């Protein structure tokens, strides 16, 4: 039933100004709207609503991620903008913080200013 409709992604923030700076200036998403309830971004055709909440306890798992063609280039850009890659226990990661999945995909994690876990992934063809 919903397979023919666009998905809307959600993440939460307790500090809308800080979240807007991060998602717009650091991640480079196109800002659309600042409403009383959420910040809205266009994430390459997907609507991303960053809900304003009074308190936030971030989930200990990935809540939002991007599939990228060259993970190392994206990591270099993000780290030059102050993003710190996460080191996850039990996940052998290389010097940049990239984990290679059994499928061969490359994955890296980082957090937004509210502590929401975000990810990058590069899928290898083969």
PDB file of N, CA and C in Angstrom:
ATOM      1  N   UNK A   1       0.802  -1.185   0.000  1.00  0.00           N
ATOM      2  CA  UNK A   1       0.000   0.000   0.000  1.00  0.00           C
ATOM      3  C   UNK A   1       0.857   1.265   0.000  1.00  0.00           C
ATOM      4  N   UNK A   2       1.902   1.315   0.815  1.00  0.00           N
ATOM      5  CA  UNK A   2       2.721   2.518   0.899  1.00  0.00           C
ATOM      6  C   UNK A   2       3.938   2.481  -0.022  1.00  0.00           C
ATOM      7  N   UNK A   3       4.103   1.407  -0.763  1.00  0.00           N
ATOM      8  CA  UNK A   3       5.300   1.274  -1.597  1.00  0.00           C
ATOM      9  C   UNK A   3       5.382   2.312  -2.709  1.00  0.00           C
ATOM     10  N   UNK A   4       4.293   2.961  -3.031  1.00  0.00           N
ATOM     11  CA  UNK A   4       4.299   3.988  -4.078  1.00  0.00           C
ATOM     12  C   UNK A   4       4.348   5.404  -3.524  1.00  0.00           C
ATOM     13  N   UNK A   5       4.676   5.533  -2.257  1.00  0.00           N
ATOM     14  CA  UNK A   5       4.694   6.844  -1.616  1.00  0.00           C
ATOM     15  C   UNK A   5       6.068   7.127  -1.023  1.00  0.00           C
ATOM     16  N   UNK A   6       6.417   8.397  -0.974  1.00  0.00           N
ATOM     17  CA  UNK A   6       7.708   8.802  -0.436  1.00  0.00           C
ATOM     18  C   UNK A   6       7.747   8.621   1.070  1.00  0.00           C
ATOM     19  N   UNK A   7       8.923   8.277   1.560  1.00  0.00           N
ATOM     20  CA  UNK A   7       9.128   8.154   2.994  1.00  0.00           C
ATOM     21  C   UNK A   7       9.613   9.492   3.535  1.00  0.00           C
ATOM     22  N   UNK A   8       9.280   9.779   4.771  1.00  0.00           N
ATOM     23  CA  UNK A   8       9.763  10.960   5.478  1.00  0.00           C
ATOM     24  C   UNK A   8      10.618  10.448   6.632  1.00  0.00           C
ATOM     25  N   UNK A   9      11.835  10.961   6.739  1.00  0.00           N
ATOM     26  CA  UNK A   9      12.735  10.553   7.817  1.00  0.00           C
ATOM     27  C   UNK A   9      12.596  11.513   8.992  1.00  0.00           C
ATOM     28  N   UNK A  10      12.737  10.980  10.209  1.00  0.00           N
ATOM     29  CA  UNK A  10      12.627  11.780  11.422  1.00  0.00           C
ATOM     30  C   UNK A  10      13.837  11.553  12.314  1.00  0.00           C
ATOM     31  N   UNK A  11      14.269  12.600  12.962  1.00  0.00           N
ATOM     32  CA  UNK A  11      15.270  12.549  14.014  1.00  0.00           C
ATOM     33  C   UNK A  11      14.880  13.668  14.979  1.00  0.00           C
ATOM     34  N   UNK A  12      15.360  13.622  16.208  1.00  0.00           N
ATOM     35  CA  UNK A  12      14.931  14.611  17.197  1.00  0.00           C
ATOM     36  C   UNK A  12      16.092  15.480  17.663  1.00  0.00           C
ATOM     37  N   UNK A  13      15.742  16.676  18.144  1.00  0.00           N
ATOM     38  CA  UNK A  13      16.727  17.578  18.725  1.00  0.00           C
ATOM     39  C   UNK A  13      16.140  18.307  19.924  1.00  0.00           C
ATOM     40  N   UNK A  14      16.993  18.569  20.894  1.00  0.00           N
ATOM     41  CA  UNK A  14      16.612  19.405  22.031  1.00  0.00           C
ATOM     42  C   UNK A  14      17.149  20.822  21.850  1.00  0.00           C
ATOM     43  N   UNK A  15      17.896  21.071  20.776  1.00  0.00           N
ATOM     44  CA  UNK A  15      18.485  22.383  20.500  1.00  0.00           C
ATOM     45  C   UNK A  15      18.400  22.644  18.994  1.00  0.00           C
ATOM     46  N   UNK A  16      17.316  23.272  18.568  1.00  0.00           N
ATOM     47  CA  UNK A  16      17.046  23.462  17.139  1.00  0.00           C
ATOM     48  C   UNK A  16      18.111  24.295  16.433  1.00  0.00           C
ATOM     49  N   UNK A  17      18.617  25.326  17.074  1.00  0.00           N
ATOM     50  CA  UNK A  17      19.632  26.171  16.434  1.00  0.00           C
ATOM     51  C   UNK A  17      20.905  25.378  16.175  1.00  0.00           C
ATOM     52  N   UNK A  18      21.331  24.609  17.147  1.00  0.00           N
ATOM     53  CA  UNK A  18      22.536  23.790  17.000  1.00  0.00           C
ATOM     54  C   UNK A  18      22.328  22.710  15.937  1.00  0.00           C
ATOM     55  N   UNK A  19      21.144  22.091  15.925  1.00  0.00           N
ATOM     56  CA  UNK A  19      20.844  21.061  14.930  1.00  0.00           C
ATOM     57  C   UNK A  19      20.811  21.654  13.526  1.00  0.00           C
ATOM     58  N   UNK A  20      20.214  22.837  13.394  1.00  0.00           N
ATOM     59  CA  UNK A  20      20.163  23.461  12.065  1.00  0.00           C
ATOM     60  C   UNK A  20      21.576  23.726  11.549  1.00  0.00           C
ATOM     61  N   UNK A  21      22.438  24.277  12.376  1.00  0.00           N
ATOM     62  CA  UNK A  21      23.818  24.520  11.954  1.00  0.00           C
ATOM     63  C   UNK A  21      24.490  23.230  11.509  1.00  0.00           C
ATOM     64  N   UNK A  22      24.312  22.170  12.279  1.00  0.00           N
ATOM     65  CA  UNK A  22      24.962  20.904  11.961  1.00  0.00           C
ATOM     66  C   UNK A  22      24.444  20.316  10.645  1.00  0.00           C
ATOM     67  N   UNK A  23      23.131  20.172  10.530  1.00  0.00           N
ATOM     68  CA  UNK A  23      22.574  19.523   9.345  1.00  0.00           C
ATOM     69  C   UNK A  23      22.729  20.382   8.089  1.00  0.00           C
ATOM     70  N   UNK A  24      22.675  21.687   8.238  1.00  0.00           N
ATOM     71  CA  UNK A  24      22.799  22.574   7.082  1.00  0.00           C
ATOM     72  C   UNK A  24      24.256  22.880   6.749  1.00  0.00           C
ATOM     73  N   UNK A  25      25.030  23.331   7.729  1.00  0.00           N
ATOM     74  CA  UNK A  25      26.383  23.799   7.456  1.00  0.00           C
ATOM     75  C   UNK A  25      27.425  22.693   7.450  1.00  0.00           C
ATOM     76  N   UNK A  26      27.291  21.729   8.326  1.00  0.00           N
ATOM     77  CA  UNK A  26      28.274  20.647   8.399  1.00  0.00           C
ATOM     78  C   UNK A  26      27.937  19.539   7.406  1.00  0.00           C
ATOM     79  N   UNK A  27      26.686  19.060   7.420  1.00  0.00           N
ATOM     80  CA  UNK A  27      26.312  17.976   6.512  1.00  0.00           C
ATOM     81  C   UNK A  27      25.918  18.463   5.126  1.00  0.00           C
ATOM     82  N   UNK A  28      25.580  19.741   5.003  1.00  0.00           N
ATOM     83  CA  UNK A  28      25.279  20.305   3.693  1.00  0.00           C
ATOM     84  C   UNK A  28      23.890  20.017   3.162  1.00  0.00           C
ATOM     85  N   UNK A  29      22.937  19.694   4.056  1.00  0.00           N
ATOM     86  CA  UNK A  29      21.567  19.455   3.598  1.00  0.00           C
ATOM     87  C   UNK A  29      20.877  20.776   3.298  1.00  0.00           C
ATOM     88  N   UNK A  30      19.946  20.734   2.367  1.00  0.00           N
ATOM     89  CA  UNK A  30      19.209  21.933   1.964  1.00  0.00           C
ATOM     90  C   UNK A  30      18.101  22.221   2.977  1.00  0.00           C
ATOM     91  N   UNK A  31      18.188  23.392   3.627  1.00  0.00           N
ATOM     92  CA  UNK A  31      17.198  23.807   4.614  1.00  0.00           C
ATOM     93  C   UNK A  31      15.923  24.248   3.904  1.00  0.00           C
ATOM     94  N   UNK A  32      14.774  23.776   4.399  1.00  0.00           N
ATOM     95  CA  UNK A  32      13.479  24.091   3.799  1.00  0.00           C
ATOM     96  C   UNK A  32      12.634  24.977   4.705  1.00  0.00           C
ATOM     97  N   UNK A  33      12.538  24.613   5.984  1.00  0.00           N
ATOM     98  CA  UNK A  33      11.580  25.309   6.849  1.00  0.00           C
ATOM     99  C   UNK A  33      11.950  25.155   8.324  1.00  0.00           C
ATOM    100  N   UNK A  34      11.642  26.198   9.090  1.00  0.00           N
ATOM    101  CA  UNK A  34      11.755  26.153  10.539  1.00  0.00           C
ATOM    102  C   UNK A  34      10.353  26.427  11.087  1.00  0.00           C
ATOM    103  N   UNK A  35       9.660  25.372  11.480  1.00  0.00           N
ATOM    104  CA  UNK A  35       8.310  25.517  12.008  1.00  0.00           C
ATOM    105  C   UNK A  35       8.358  25.457  13.531  1.00  0.00           C
ATOM    106  N   UNK A  36       7.244  25.701  14.194  1.00  0.00           N
ATOM    107  CA  UNK A  36       7.243  25.594  15.661  1.00  0.00           C
ATOM    108  C   UNK A  36       7.538  24.172  16.158  1.00  0.00           C
ATOM    109  N   UNK A  37       7.366  23.173  15.297  1.00  0.00           N
ATOM    110  CA  UNK A  37       7.503  21.782  15.720  1.00  0.00           C
ATOM    111  C   UNK A  37       8.760  21.090  15.220  1.00  0.00           C
ATOM    112  N   UNK A  38       9.334  21.584  14.108  1.00  0.00           N
ATOM    113  CA  UNK A  38      10.459  20.866  13.510  1.00  0.00           C
ATOM    114  C   UNK A  38      11.258  21.754  12.566  1.00  0.00           C
ATOM    115  N   UNK A  39      12.478  21.324  12.328  1.00  0.00           N
ATOM    116  CA  UNK A  39      13.278  21.847  11.222  1.00  0.00           C
ATOM    117  C   UNK A  39      13.054  20.878  10.077  1.00  0.00           C
ATOM    118  N   UNK A  40      12.945  21.399   8.875  1.00  0.00           N
ATOM    119  CA  UNK A  40      12.707  20.533   7.726  1.00  0.00           C
ATOM    120  C   UNK A  40      13.842  20.737   6.728  1.00  0.00           C
ATOM    121  N   UNK A  41      14.393  19.627   6.257  1.00  0.00           N
ATOM    122  CA  UNK A  41      15.460  19.637   5.268  1.00  0.00           C
ATOM    123  C   UNK A  41      15.083  18.762   4.096  1.00  0.00           C
ATOM    124  N   UNK A  42      15.662  19.064   2.955  1.00  0.00           N
ATOM    125  CA  UNK A  42      15.575  18.196   1.783  1.00  0.00           C
ATOM    126  C   UNK A  42      16.880  17.418   1.736  1.00  0.00           C
ATOM    127  N   UNK A  43      16.799  16.134   1.956  1.00  0.00           N
ATOM    128  CA  UNK A  43      17.969  15.259   1.949  1.00  0.00           C
ATOM    129  C   UNK A  43      17.971  14.479   0.633  1.00  0.00           C
ATOM    130  N   UNK A  44      18.355  15.158  -0.437  1.00  0.00           N
ATOM    131  CA  UNK A  44      18.420  14.548  -1.763  1.00  0.00           C
ATOM    132  C   UNK A  44      17.071  13.957  -2.190  1.00  0.00           C
ATOM    133  N   UNK A  45      16.009  14.717  -1.957  1.00  0.00           N
ATOM    134  CA  UNK A  45      14.678  14.278  -2.366  1.00  0.00           C
ATOM    135  C   UNK A  45      13.872  13.623  -1.265  1.00  0.00           C
ATOM    136  N   UNK A  46      14.497  13.316  -0.152  1.00  0.00           N
ATOM    137  CA  UNK A  46      13.794  12.758   1.001  1.00  0.00           C
ATOM    138  C   UNK A  46      13.610  13.871   2.021  1.00  0.00           C
ATOM    139  N   UNK A  47      12.405  13.996   2.530  1.00  0.00           N
ATOM    140  CA  UNK A  47      12.142  14.993   3.565  1.00  0.00           C
ATOM    141  C   UNK A  47      12.713  14.484   4.885  1.00  0.00           C
ATOM    142  N   UNK A  48      13.533  15.316   5.521  1.00  0.00           N
ATOM    143  CA  UNK A  48      14.052  15.017   6.849  1.00  0.00           C
ATOM    144  C   UNK A  48      13.474  16.038   7.810  1.00  0.00           C
ATOM    145  N   UNK A  49      12.682  15.554   8.752  1.00  0.00           N
ATOM    146  CA  UNK A  49      12.090  16.412   9.778  1.00  0.00           C
ATOM    147  C   UNK A  49      12.859  16.195  11.073  1.00  0.00           C
ATOM    148  N   UNK A  50      13.452  17.258  11.571  1.00  0.00           N
ATOM    149  CA  UNK A  50      14.154  17.199  12.842  1.00  0.00           C
ATOM    150  C   UNK A  50      13.213  17.781  13.892  1.00  0.00           C
ATOM    151  N   UNK A  51      12.581  16.867  14.622  1.00  0.00           N
ATOM    152  CA  UNK A  51      11.553  17.233  15.596  1.00  0.00           C
ATOM    153  C   UNK A  51      12.157  17.927  16.798  1.00  0.00           C
ATOM    154  N   UNK A  52      11.508  18.992  17.223  1.00  0.00           N
ATOM    155  CA  UNK A  52      11.937  19.697  18.429  1.00  0.00           C
ATOM    156  C   UNK A  52      11.308  19.015  19.632  1.00  0.00           C
ATOM    157  N   UNK A  53      12.154  18.615  20.566  1.00  0.00           N
ATOM    158  CA  UNK A  53      11.678  17.952  21.776  1.00  0.00           C
ATOM    159  C   UNK A  53      12.316  18.626  22.988  1.00  0.00           C
ATOM    160  N   UNK A  54      11.634  18.621  24.131  1.00  0.00           N
ATOM    161  CA  UNK A  54      12.208  19.285  25.313  1.00  0.00           C
ATOM    162  C   UNK A  54      13.398  18.522  25.897  1.00  0.00           C
ATOM    163  N   UNK A  55      13.384  17.211  25.783  1.00  0.00           N
ATOM    164  CA  UNK A  55      14.468  16.357  26.273  1.00  0.00           C
ATOM    165  C   UNK A  55      14.703  15.260  25.264  1.00  0.00           C
ATOM    166  N   UNK A  56      15.954  14.797  25.210  1.00  0.00           N
ATOM    167  CA  UNK A  56      16.275  13.746  24.246  1.00  0.00           C
ATOM    168  C   UNK A  56      17.235  12.762  24.876  1.00  0.00           C
ATOM    169  N   UNK A  57      16.870  11.511  24.834  1.00  0.00           N
ATOM    170  CA  UNK A  57      17.785  10.441  25.213  1.00  0.00           C
ATOM    171  C   UNK A  57      18.078   9.684  23.919  1.00  0.00           C
ATOM    172  N   UNK A  58      19.253   9.924  23.318  1.00  0.00           N
ATOM    173  CA  UNK A  58      19.550   9.306  22.024  1.00  0.00           C
ATOM    174  C   UNK A  58      19.537   7.779  22.088  1.00  0.00           C
ATOM    175  N   UNK A  59      19.081   7.181  21.024  1.00  0.00           N
ATOM    176  CA  UNK A  59      19.097   5.721  20.906  1.00  0.00           C
ATOM    177  C   UNK A  59      20.549   5.259  20.757  1.00  0.00           C
ATOM    178  N   UNK A  60      20.881   4.079  21.258  1.00  0.00           N
ATOM    179  CA  UNK A  60      22.257   3.582  21.168  1.00  0.00           C
ATOM    180  C   UNK A  60      22.572   2.916  19.821  1.00  0.00           C
ATOM    181  N   UNK A  61      21.731   3.122  18.844  1.00  0.00           N
ATOM    182  CA  UNK A  61      21.915   2.515  17.530  1.00  0.00           C
ATOM    183  C   UNK A  61      21.716   3.584  16.457  1.00  0.00           C
ATOM    184  N   UNK A  62      22.042   3.238  15.229  1.00  0.00           N
ATOM    185  CA  UNK A  62      21.934   4.178  14.118  1.00  0.00           C
ATOM    186  C   UNK A  62      20.476   4.549  13.866  1.00  0.00           C
ATOM    187  N   UNK A  63      20.217   5.858  13.746  1.00  0.00           N
ATOM    188  CA  UNK A  63      18.863   6.323  13.486  1.00  0.00           C
ATOM    189  C   UNK A  63      18.713   6.908  12.081  1.00  0.00           C
ATOM    190  N   UNK A  64      19.825   7.222  11.445  1.00  0.00           N
ATOM    191  CA  UNK A  64      19.784   7.857  10.127  1.00  0.00           C
ATOM    192  C   UNK A  64      21.117   7.600   9.447  1.00  0.00           C
ATOM    193  N   UNK A  65      21.081   7.294   8.159  1.00  0.00           N
ATOM    194  CA  UNK A  65      22.329   7.029   7.459  1.00  0.00           C
ATOM    195  C   UNK A  65      22.270   7.410   5.998  1.00  0.00           C
ATOM    196  N   UNK A  66      23.436   7.533   5.420  1.00  0.00           N
ATOM    197  CA  UNK A  66      23.569   7.886   4.006  1.00  0.00           C
ATOM    198  C   UNK A  66      24.400   6.839   3.297  1.00  0.00           C
ATOM    199  N   UNK A  67      23.971   6.483   2.107  1.00  0.00           N
ATOM    200  CA  UNK A  67      24.743   5.625   1.214  1.00  0.00           C
ATOM    201  C   UNK A  67      25.548   6.557   0.323  1.00  0.00           C
ATOM    202  N   UNK A  68      26.865   6.402   0.336  1.00  0.00           N
ATOM    203  CA  UNK A  68      27.747   7.307  -0.392  1.00  0.00           C
ATOM    204  C   UNK A  68      28.620   6.518  -1.366  1.00  0.00           C
ATOM    205  N   UNK A  69      29.045   7.149  -2.461  1.00  0.00           N
ATOM    206  CA  UNK A  69      29.869   6.428  -3.437  1.00  0.00           C
ATOM    207  C   UNK A  69      31.332   6.288  -3.018  1.00  0.00           C
ATOM    208  N   UNK A  70      31.836   7.201  -2.177  1.00  0.00           N
ATOM    209  CA  UNK A  70      33.231   7.173  -1.754  1.00  0.00           C
ATOM    210  C   UNK A  70      33.299   7.576  -0.278  1.00  0.00           C
ATOM    211  N   UNK A  71      33.230   6.593   0.592  1.00  0.00           N
ATOM    212  CA  UNK A  71      33.130   6.854   2.030  1.00  0.00           C
ATOM    213  C   UNK A  71      34.335   7.610   2.560  1.00  0.00           C
ATOM    214  N   UNK A  72      35.515   7.323   2.044  1.00  0.00           N
ATOM    215  CA  UNK A  72      36.729   7.974   2.548  1.00  0.00           C
ATOM    216  C   UNK A  72      36.736   9.470   2.252  1.00  0.00           C
ATOM    217  N   UNK A  73      36.291   9.844   1.068  1.00  0.00           N
ATOM    218  CA  UNK A  73      36.217  11.266   0.719  1.00  0.00           C
ATOM    219  C   UNK A  73      35.207  11.985   1.596  1.00  0.00           C
ATOM    220  N   UNK A  74      34.067  11.362   1.836  1.00  0.00           N
ATOM    221  CA  UNK A  74      33.043  11.966   2.697  1.00  0.00           C
ATOM    222  C   UNK A  74      33.569  12.099   4.123  1.00  0.00           C
ATOM    223  N   UNK A  75      34.249  11.084   4.617  1.00  0.00           N
ATOM    224  CA  UNK A  75      34.817  11.150   5.971  1.00  0.00           C
ATOM    225  C   UNK A  75      35.823  12.286   6.065  1.00  0.00           C
ATOM    226  N   UNK A  76      36.681  12.423   5.078  1.00  0.00           N
ATOM    227  CA  UNK A  76      37.668  13.503   5.094  1.00  0.00           C
ATOM    228  C   UNK A  76      36.996  14.871   5.129  1.00  0.00           C
ATOM    229  N   UNK A  77      35.934  15.034   4.347  1.00  0.00           N
ATOM    230  CA  UNK A  77      35.201  16.306   4.342  1.00  0.00           C
ATOM    231  C   UNK A  77      34.546  16.553   5.697  1.00  0.00           C
ATOM    232  N   UNK A  78      33.867  15.540   6.229  1.00  0.00           N
ATOM    233  CA  UNK A  78      33.186  15.714   7.515  1.00  0.00           C
ATOM    234  C   UNK A  78      34.174  15.993   8.646  1.00  0.00           C
ATOM    235  N   UNK A  79      35.279  15.275   8.687  1.00  0.00           N
ATOM    236  CA  UNK A  79      36.246  15.516   9.763  1.00  0.00           C
ATOM    237  C   UNK A  79      36.878  16.902   9.635  1.00  0.00           C
ATOM    238  N   UNK A  80      37.032  17.398   8.409  1.00  0.00           N
ATOM    239  CA  UNK A  80      37.559  18.761   8.246  1.00  0.00           C
ATOM    240  C   UNK A  80      36.566  19.797   8.752  1.00  0.00           C
ATOM    241  N   UNK A  81      35.294  19.398   8.886  1.00  0.00           N
ATOM    242  CA  UNK A  81      34.252  20.282   9.406  1.00  0.00           C
ATOM    243  C   UNK A  81      33.977  20.030  10.882  1.00  0.00           C
ATOM    244  N   UNK A  82      34.839  19.255  11.531  1.00  0.00           N
ATOM    245  CA  UNK A  82      34.727  19.043  12.963  1.00  0.00           C
ATOM    246  C   UNK A  82      33.999  17.798  13.413  1.00  0.00           C
ATOM    247  N   UNK A  83      33.550  16.962  12.487  1.00  0.00           N
ATOM    248  CA  UNK A  83      32.851  15.730  12.856  1.00  0.00           C
ATOM    249  C   UNK A  83      33.877  14.700  13.333  1.00  0.00           C
ATOM    250  N   UNK A  84      33.535  14.010  14.414  1.00  0.00           N
ATOM    251  CA  UNK A  84      34.397  12.958  14.951  1.00  0.00           C
ATOM    252  C   UNK A  84      33.729  11.613  14.691  1.00  0.00           C
ATOM    253  N   UNK A  85      34.460  10.703  14.066  1.00  0.00           N
ATOM    254  CA  UNK A  85      33.932   9.367  13.816  1.00  0.00           C
ATOM    255  C   UNK A  85      33.927   8.566  15.107  1.00  0.00           C
ATOM    256  N   UNK A  86      32.917   7.735  15.259  1.00  0.00           N
ATOM    257  CA  UNK A  86      32.761   6.915  16.457  1.00  0.00           C
ATOM    258  C   UNK A  86      33.520   5.599  16.319  1.00  0.00           C
ATOM    259  N   UNK A  87      34.043   5.138  17.423  1.00  0.00           N
ATOM    260  CA  UNK A  87      34.657   3.810  17.520  1.00  0.00           C
ATOM    261  C   UNK A  87      33.681   2.948  18.311  1.00  0.00           C
ATOM    262  N   UNK A  88      33.225   1.873  17.691  1.00  0.00           N
ATOM    263  CA  UNK A  88      32.219   1.028  18.330  1.00  0.00           C
ATOM    264  C   UNK A  88      32.861  -0.258  18.830  1.00  0.00           C
ATOM    265  N   UNK A  89      32.558  -0.587  20.070  1.00  0.00           N
ATOM    266  CA  UNK A  89      33.096  -1.793  20.681  1.00  0.00           C
ATOM    267  C   UNK A  89      32.685  -3.028  19.887  1.00  0.00           C
ATOM    268  N   UNK A  90      33.639  -3.900  19.636  1.00  0.00           N
ATOM    269  CA  UNK A  90      33.369  -5.143  18.927  1.00  0.00           C
ATOM    270  C   UNK A  90      33.336  -5.005  17.420  1.00  0.00           C
ATOM    271  N   UNK A  91      33.577  -3.802  16.910  1.00  0.00           N
ATOM    272  CA  UNK A  91      33.571  -3.561  15.473  1.00  0.00           C
ATOM    273  C   UNK A  91      34.991  -3.183  15.055  1.00  0.00           C
ATOM    274  N   UNK A  92      35.732  -4.079  14.436  1.00  0.00           N
ATOM    275  CA  UNK A  92      37.085  -3.729  14.012  1.00  0.00           C
ATOM    276  C   UNK A  92      37.043  -2.654  12.918  1.00  0.00           C
ATOM    277  N   UNK A  93      37.576  -1.478  13.241  1.00  0.00           N
ATOM    278  CA  UNK A  93      37.537  -0.341  12.324  1.00  0.00           C
ATOM    279  C   UNK A  93      38.959   0.072  11.964  1.00  0.00           C
ATOM    280  N   UNK A  94      39.121   0.583  10.749  1.00  0.00           N
ATOM    281  CA  UNK A  94      40.448   1.000  10.304  1.00  0.00           C
ATOM    282  C   UNK A  94      40.816   2.363  10.884  1.00  0.00           C
ATOM    283  N   UNK A  95      41.914   2.924  10.416  1.00  0.00           N
ATOM    284  CA  UNK A  95      42.418   4.180  10.973  1.00  0.00           C
ATOM    285  C   UNK A  95      41.454   5.347  10.804  1.00  0.00           C
ATOM    286  N   UNK A  96      40.568   5.299   9.797  1.00  0.00           N
ATOM    287  CA  UNK A  96      39.571   6.356   9.614  1.00  0.00           C
ATOM    288  C   UNK A  96      38.284   6.099  10.405  1.00  0.00           C
ATOM    289  N   UNK A  97      38.141   4.899  10.938  1.00  0.00           N
ATOM    290  CA  UNK A  97      36.916   4.544  11.650  1.00  0.00           C
ATOM    291  C   UNK A  97      35.946   3.745  10.802  1.00  0.00           C
ATOM    292  N   UNK A  98      36.433   3.182   9.694  1.00  0.00           N
ATOM    293  CA  UNK A  98      35.576   2.429   8.774  1.00  0.00           C
ATOM    294  C   UNK A  98      35.611   0.944   9.120  1.00  0.00           C
ATOM    295  N   UNK A  99      34.440   0.358   9.231  1.00  0.00           N
ATOM    296  CA  UNK A  99      34.275  -1.072   9.449  1.00  0.00           C
ATOM    297  C   UNK A  99      33.909  -1.712   8.124  1.00  0.00           C
ATOM    298  N   UNK A 100      34.489  -2.852   7.834  1.00  0.00           N
ATOM    299  CA  UNK A 100      34.135  -3.596   6.622  1.00  0.00           C
ATOM    300  C   UNK A 100      33.206  -4.731   7.022  1.00  0.00           C
ATOM    301  N   UNK A 101      31.990  -4.678   6.525  1.00  0.00           N
ATOM    302  CA  UNK A 101      30.978  -5.694   6.820  1.00  0.00           C
ATOM    303  C   UNK A 101      31.308  -6.990   6.076  1.00  0.00           C
ATOM    304  N   UNK A 102      30.750  -8.107   6.514  1.00  0.00           N
ATOM    305  CA  UNK A 102      30.978  -9.372   5.805  1.00  0.00           C
ATOM    306  C   UNK A 102      30.603  -9.303   4.315  1.00  0.00           C
ATOM    307  N   UNK A 103      29.665  -8.447   3.975  1.00  0.00           N
ATOM    308  CA  UNK A 103      29.255  -8.296   2.570  1.00  0.00           C
ATOM    309  C   UNK A 103      30.283  -7.534   1.749  1.00  0.00           C
ATOM    310  N   UNK A 104      31.244  -6.896   2.436  1.00  0.00           N
ATOM    311  CA  UNK A 104      32.222  -6.051   1.759  1.00  0.00           C
ATOM    312  C   UNK A 104      31.881  -4.573   1.831  1.00  0.00           C
ATOM    313  N   UNK A 105      30.695  -4.244   2.321  1.00  0.00           N
ATOM    314  CA  UNK A 105      30.307  -2.839   2.457  1.00  0.00           C
ATOM    315  C   UNK A 105      31.180  -2.163   3.512  1.00  0.00           C
ATOM    316  N   UNK A 106      31.439  -0.884   3.306  1.00  0.00           N
ATOM    317  CA  UNK A 106      32.189  -0.068   4.265  1.00  0.00           C
ATOM    318  C   UNK A 106      31.197   0.791   5.033  1.00  0.00           C
ATOM    319  N   UNK A 107      31.352   0.838   6.361  1.00  0.00           N
ATOM    320  CA  UNK A 107      30.419   1.578   7.210  1.00  0.00           C
ATOM    321  C   UNK A 107      31.205   2.383   8.242  1.00  0.00           C
ATOM    322  N   UNK A 108      30.740   3.603   8.490  1.00  0.00           N
ATOM    323  CA  UNK A 108      31.326   4.445   9.533  1.00  0.00           C
ATOM    324  C   UNK A 108      30.196   5.161  10.251  1.00  0.00           C
ATOM    325  N   UNK A 109      30.431   5.511  11.511  1.00  0.00           N
ATOM    326  CA  UNK A 109      29.405   6.138  12.334  1.00  0.00           C
ATOM    327  C   UNK A 109      29.902   7.450  12.913  1.00  0.00           C
ATOM    328  N   UNK A 110      28.967   8.365  13.118  1.00  0.00           N
ATOM    329  CA  UNK A 110      29.247   9.632  13.782  1.00  0.00           C
ATOM    330  C   UNK A 110      27.962  10.107  14.431  1.00  0.00           C
ATOM    331  N   UNK A 111      28.074  11.075  15.337  1.00  0.00           N
ATOM    332  CA  UNK A 111      26.897  11.562  16.052  1.00  0.00           C
ATOM    333  C   UNK A 111      26.621  13.011  15.696  1.00  0.00           C
ATOM    334  N   UNK A 112      25.337  13.368  15.744  1.00  0.00           N
ATOM    335  CA  UNK A 112      24.969  14.772  15.608  1.00  0.00           C
ATOM    336  C   UNK A 112      25.126  15.436  16.979  1.00  0.00           C
ATOM    337  N   UNK A 113      24.930  16.741  17.080  1.00  0.00           N
ATOM    338  CA  UNK A 113      25.140  17.415  18.372  1.00  0.00           C
ATOM    339  C   UNK A 113      24.245  16.923  19.508  1.00  0.00           C
ATOM    340  N   UNK A 114      23.119  16.283  19.194  1.00  0.00           N
ATOM    341  CA  UNK A 114      22.238  15.737  20.225  1.00  0.00           C
ATOM    342  C   UNK A 114      22.625  14.320  20.630  1.00  0.00           C
ATOM    343  N   UNK A 115      23.621  13.749  19.949  1.00  0.00           N
ATOM    344  CA  UNK A 115      24.041  12.388  20.260  1.00  0.00           C
ATOM    345  C   UNK A 115      23.349  11.324  19.440  1.00  0.00           C
ATOM    346  N   UNK A 116      22.534  11.722  18.451  1.00  0.00           N
ATOM    347  CA  UNK A 116      21.904  10.746  17.563  1.00  0.00           C
ATOM    348  C   UNK A 116      22.986  10.085  16.714  1.00  0.00           C
ATOM    349  N   UNK A 117      22.972   8.744  16.636  1.00  0.00           N
ATOM    350  CA  UNK A 117      23.963   8.020  15.865  1.00  0.00           C
ATOM    351  C   UNK A 117      23.571   8.040  14.384  1.00  0.00           C
ATOM    352  N   UNK A 118      24.500   8.513  13.575  1.00  0.00           N
ATOM    353  CA  UNK A 118      24.314   8.603  12.133  1.00  0.00           C
ATOM    354  C   UNK A 118      25.365   7.724  11.461  1.00  0.00           C
ATOM    355  N   UNK A 119      25.124   7.331  10.215  1.00  0.00           N
ATOM    356  CA  UNK A 119      26.100   6.464   9.562  1.00  0.00           C
ATOM    357  C   UNK A 119      26.303   6.841   8.107  1.00  0.00           C
ATOM    358  N   UNK A 120      27.424   6.365   7.612  1.00  0.00           N
ATOM    359  CA  UNK A 120      27.758   6.415   6.198  1.00  0.00           C
ATOM    360  C   UNK A 120      27.986   4.986   5.768  1.00  0.00           C
ATOM    361  N   UNK A 121      27.581   4.643   4.565  1.00  0.00           N
ATOM    362  CA  UNK A 121      27.884   3.308   4.056  1.00  0.00           C
ATOM    363  C   UNK A 121      28.207   3.397   2.570  1.00  0.00           C
ATOM    364  N   UNK A 122      29.141   2.562   2.174  1.00  0.00           N
ATOM    365  CA  UNK A 122      29.517   2.437   0.764  1.00  0.00           C
ATOM    366  C   UNK A 122      29.413   0.970   0.425  1.00  0.00           C
ATOM    367  N   UNK A 123      28.511   0.657  -0.475  1.00  0.00           N
ATOM    368  CA  UNK A 123      28.283  -0.732  -0.879  1.00  0.00           C
ATOM    369  C   UNK A 123      29.174  -1.025  -2.073  1.00  0.00           C
ATOM    370  N   UNK A 124      29.859  -2.142  -2.001  1.00  0.00           N
ATOM    371  CA  UNK A 124      30.698  -2.541  -3.121  1.00  0.00           C
ATOM    372  C   UNK A 124      29.883  -3.373  -4.088  1.00  0.00           C
ATOM    373  N   UNK A 125      30.131  -3.183  -5.353  1.00  0.00           N
ATOM    374  CA  UNK A 125      29.415  -3.989  -6.353  1.00  0.00           C
ATOM    375  C   UNK A 125      30.213  -5.270  -6.584  1.00  0.00           C
ATOM    376  N   UNK A 126      29.517  -6.286  -6.888  1.00  0.00           N
ATOM    377  CA  UNK A 126      30.255  -7.508  -7.127  1.00  0.00           C
ATOM    378  C   UNK A 126      29.380  -8.643  -7.047  1.00  0.00           C
TER     379      UNK A 126
END
